[in-house]
Amino acid sequence: MSRRQSLLRYLAARLALAPLMLWLIASLVFLLLRLAPGDPIDALLGT
């Protein structure tokens, strides 16, 4: 396998996993905000 093919394969794998990672991170943040005591908006604003 050439160096170019290896690079393209690496980039394709990263791009394929990007939506999954974004969804997982967004879900984790959502769950952490929901588990926090009080109103999530108040927690974000620090009031």
Protein backbone atom coordinates (compact mmCIF):
# COMPACT_ATOMS: atom_id res chain seq x y z
CA MET A 1 0.00 0.00 0.00
CA SER A 2 1.42 3.38 -0.95
CA ARG A 3 1.86 6.24 1.45
CA ARG A 4 -0.91 8.19 -0.26
CA GLN A 5 -3.37 5.29 0.06
CA SER A 6 -2.47 4.94 3.72
CA LEU A 7 -3.11 8.63 4.32
CA LEU A 8 -6.43 8.55 2.48
CA ARG A 9 -7.51 5.49 4.41
CA TYR A 10 -6.56 7.15 7.72
CA LEU A 11 -8.47 10.33 6.81
CA ALA A 12 -11.52 8.36 5.69
CA ALA A 13 -11.58 6.46 8.98
CA ARG A 14 -11.31 9.70 10.97
CA LEU A 15 -14.07 11.37 8.97
CA ALA A 16 -16.31 8.34 9.38
CA LEU A 17 -15.91 8.43 13.17
CA ALA A 18 -16.33 12.20 13.54
CA PRO A 19 -20.18 12.25 13.61
CA LEU A 20 -20.24 9.46 16.18
CA MET A 21 -17.76 11.25 18.41
CA LEU A 22 -19.69 14.53 18.16
CA TRP A 23 -22.91 12.74 19.07
CA LEU A 24 -21.29 11.01 22.04
CA ILE A 25 -19.77 14.23 23.36
CA ALA A 26 -23.05 16.13 22.96
CA SER A 27 -24.93 13.33 24.74
CA LEU A 28 -22.44 13.27 27.59
CA VAL A 29 -22.69 17.04 28.09
CA PHE A 30 -26.49 16.83 27.98
CA LEU A 31 -26.57 14.05 30.58
CA LEU A 32 -24.13 15.84 32.87
CA LEU A 33 -26.22 19.01 32.70
CA ARG A 34 -29.39 17.06 33.45
CA LEU A 35 -27.76 15.34 36.45
CA ALA A 36 -26.54 18.61 37.95
CA PRO A 37 -28.73 20.01 40.70
CA GLY A 38 -30.81 23.06 39.86
CA ASP A 39 -31.64 24.59 36.51
CA PRO A 40 -29.12 23.82 33.73
CA ILE A 41 -29.40 27.39 32.38
CA ASP A 42 -28.59 28.82 35.81
CA ALA A 43 -25.61 26.48 36.03
CA LEU A 44 -24.34 27.62 32.62
CA LEU A 45 -24.83 31.30 33.43
CA GLY A 46 -23.39 30.95 36.92
CA THR A 47 -26.34 32.64 38.60
